[in-house]
Amino acid sequence: MARKRYTPEHIISMLREAEVRLSQGEKTGTICRSLGLSEQNYYRRRREYEGLKISQARRLKGLEKLKVQTLFITHGSPWGAKL
């Protein structure tokens, strides 16, 4: 089965929905199943995206991608390929 790749916007909206449902008294496991996430994935995403707005999450992902590209250029490919 193929992995789902959620955008930062979708992840933040799912976390907001989960917070609302948690405040209404639902259990974490029930919420995660309805959102299509494992509990482990939910807690990892919550730790990573907690308190971020959508624009901040986009910027964070862009900076992470830039960091990887910079490391790739300065240190070379780990597989020996050249750019």
C-alpha atoms as a PDB file:
ATOM      1  CA  MET A   1       0.000   0.000   0.000  1.00  0.00           C
ATOM      2  CA  ALA A   2       1.347   3.425  -0.921  1.00  0.00           C
ATOM      3  CA  ARG A   3       2.177   5.934   1.797  1.00  0.00           C
ATOM      4  CA  LYS A   4       0.140   9.102   2.050  1.00  0.00           C
ATOM      5  CA  ARG A   5       2.096  12.326   1.985  1.00  0.00           C
ATOM      6  CA  TYR A   6       0.161  15.061   3.671  1.00  0.00           C
ATOM      7  CA  THR A   7       0.874  18.719   3.020  1.00  0.00           C
ATOM      8  CA  PRO A   8       1.679  20.926   6.015  1.00  0.00           C
ATOM      9  CA  GLU A   9      -1.693  22.644   5.563  1.00  0.00           C
ATOM     10  CA  HIS A  10      -3.532  19.341   5.787  1.00  0.00           C
ATOM     11  CA  ILE A  11      -1.526  18.195   8.800  1.00  0.00           C
ATOM     12  CA  ILE A  12      -2.250  21.423  10.687  1.00  0.00           C
ATOM     13  CA  SER A  13      -5.967  21.209   9.888  1.00  0.00           C
ATOM     14  CA  MET A  14      -6.060  17.598  11.122  1.00  0.00           C
ATOM     15  CA  LEU A  15      -4.281  18.585  14.346  1.00  0.00           C
ATOM     16  CA  ARG A  16      -6.736  21.434  14.901  1.00  0.00           C
ATOM     17  CA  GLU A  17      -9.663  19.085  14.371  1.00  0.00           C
ATOM     18  CA  ALA A  18      -8.122  16.598  16.793  1.00  0.00           C
ATOM     19  CA  GLU A  19      -7.675  19.314  19.442  1.00  0.00           C
ATOM     20  CA  VAL A  20     -11.332  20.304  19.156  1.00  0.00           C
ATOM     21  CA  ARG A  21     -12.470  16.702  19.449  1.00  0.00           C
ATOM     22  CA  LEU A  22     -10.144  16.071  22.398  1.00  0.00           C
ATOM     23  CA  SER A  23     -11.632  19.073  24.199  1.00  0.00           C
ATOM     24  CA  GLN A  24     -15.075  17.534  23.640  1.00  0.00           C
ATOM     25  CA  GLY A  25     -13.962  14.388  25.469  1.00  0.00           C
ATOM     26  CA  GLU A  26     -13.187  11.945  22.661  1.00  0.00           C
ATOM     27  CA  LYS A  27     -10.321   9.526  23.116  1.00  0.00           C
ATOM     28  CA  THR A  28      -7.104   9.939  21.136  1.00  0.00           C
ATOM     29  CA  GLY A  29      -7.327   6.481  19.581  1.00  0.00           C
ATOM     30  CA  THR A  30     -10.805   7.112  18.209  1.00  0.00           C
ATOM     31  CA  ILE A  31      -9.793  10.452  16.751  1.00  0.00           C
ATOM     32  CA  CYS A  32      -6.666   9.021  15.122  1.00  0.00           C
ATOM     33  CA  ARG A  33      -8.598   6.180  13.517  1.00  0.00           C
ATOM     34  CA  SER A  34     -11.162   8.578  12.053  1.00  0.00           C
ATOM     35  CA  LEU A  35      -8.379  10.824  10.694  1.00  0.00           C
ATOM     36  CA  GLY A  36      -6.490   7.860   9.227  1.00  0.00           C
ATOM     37  CA  LEU A  37      -3.398   8.281  11.422  1.00  0.00           C
ATOM     38  CA  SER A  38      -1.643   6.035  13.877  1.00  0.00           C
ATOM     39  CA  GLU A  39      -1.342   7.378  17.407  1.00  0.00           C
ATOM     40  CA  GLN A  40       2.440   7.423  17.070  1.00  0.00           C
ATOM     41  CA  ASN A  41       2.187   9.501  13.901  1.00  0.00           C
ATOM     42  CA  TYR A  42      -0.312  11.844  15.579  1.00  0.00           C
ATOM     43  CA  TYR A  43       2.009  12.550  18.512  1.00  0.00           C
ATOM     44  CA  ARG A  44       5.023  13.005  16.234  1.00  0.00           C
ATOM     45  CA  ARG A  45       3.148  15.473  14.015  1.00  0.00           C
ATOM     46  CA  ARG A  46       1.777  17.288  17.044  1.00  0.00           C
ATOM     47  CA  ARG A  47       5.283  17.728  18.445  1.00  0.00           C
ATOM     48  CA  GLU A  48       6.567  18.967  15.073  1.00  0.00           C
ATOM     49  CA  TYR A  49       3.701  21.292  14.101  1.00  0.00           C
ATOM     50  CA  GLU A  50       2.286  22.361  17.467  1.00  0.00           C
ATOM     51  CA  GLY A  51       1.619  26.098  17.574  1.00  0.00           C
ATOM     52  CA  LEU A  52       2.557  26.704  13.934  1.00  0.00           C
ATOM     53  CA  LYS A  53       0.402  28.563  11.492  1.00  0.00           C
ATOM     54  CA  ILE A  54       0.117  27.296   7.933  1.00  0.00           C
ATOM     55  CA  SER A  55       2.478  29.926   6.520  1.00  0.00           C
ATOM     56  CA  GLN A  56       5.085  29.106   9.174  1.00  0.00           C
ATOM     57  CA  ALA A  57       4.846  25.380   8.392  1.00  0.00           C
ATOM     58  CA  ARG A  58       5.404  26.043   4.675  1.00  0.00           C
ATOM     59  CA  ARG A  59       8.473  28.115   5.505  1.00  0.00           C
ATOM     60  CA  LEU A  60       9.816  25.411   7.838  1.00  0.00           C
ATOM     61  CA  LYS A  61       9.526  22.731   5.153  1.00  0.00           C
ATOM     62  CA  GLY A  62      11.153  25.023   2.599  1.00  0.00           C
ATOM     63  CA  LEU A  63      14.084  25.688   4.916  1.00  0.00           C
ATOM     64  CA  GLU A  64      14.532  21.974   5.612  1.00  0.00           C
ATOM     65  CA  LYS A  65      14.615  21.265   1.879  1.00  0.00           C
ATOM     66  CA  LEU A  66      17.143  24.060   1.327  1.00  0.00           C
ATOM     67  CA  LYS A  67      19.351  22.646   4.081  1.00  0.00           C
ATOM     68  CA  VAL A  68      19.417  19.206   2.450  1.00  0.00           C
ATOM     69  CA  GLN A  69      20.228  20.733  -0.943  1.00  0.00           C
ATOM     70  CA  THR A  70      23.043  22.794   0.553  1.00  0.00           C
ATOM     71  CA  LEU A  71      24.538  19.768   2.297  1.00  0.00           C
ATOM     72  CA  PHE A  72      24.261  17.784  -0.916  1.00  0.00           C
ATOM     73  CA  ILE A  73      26.129  20.454  -2.874  1.00  0.00           C
ATOM     74  CA  THR A  74      28.853  21.119  -0.281  1.00  0.00           C
ATOM     75  CA  HIS A  75      29.567  17.531   0.756  1.00  0.00           C
ATOM     76  CA  GLY A  76      28.660  15.713  -2.431  1.00  0.00           C
ATOM     77  CA  SER A  77      26.281  12.896  -2.986  1.00  0.00           C
ATOM     78  CA  PRO A  78      26.411   9.977  -0.564  1.00  0.00           C
ATOM     79  CA  TRP A  79      26.136   7.686  -3.602  1.00  0.00           C
ATOM     80  CA  GLY A  80      29.063   9.212  -5.461  1.00  0.00           C
ATOM     81  CA  ALA A  81      27.012  10.961  -8.152  1.00  0.00           C
ATOM     82  CA  LYS A  82      27.951  14.460  -9.222  1.00  0.00           C
ATOM     83  CA  LEU A  83      25.540  17.317  -9.873  1.00  0.00           C
END
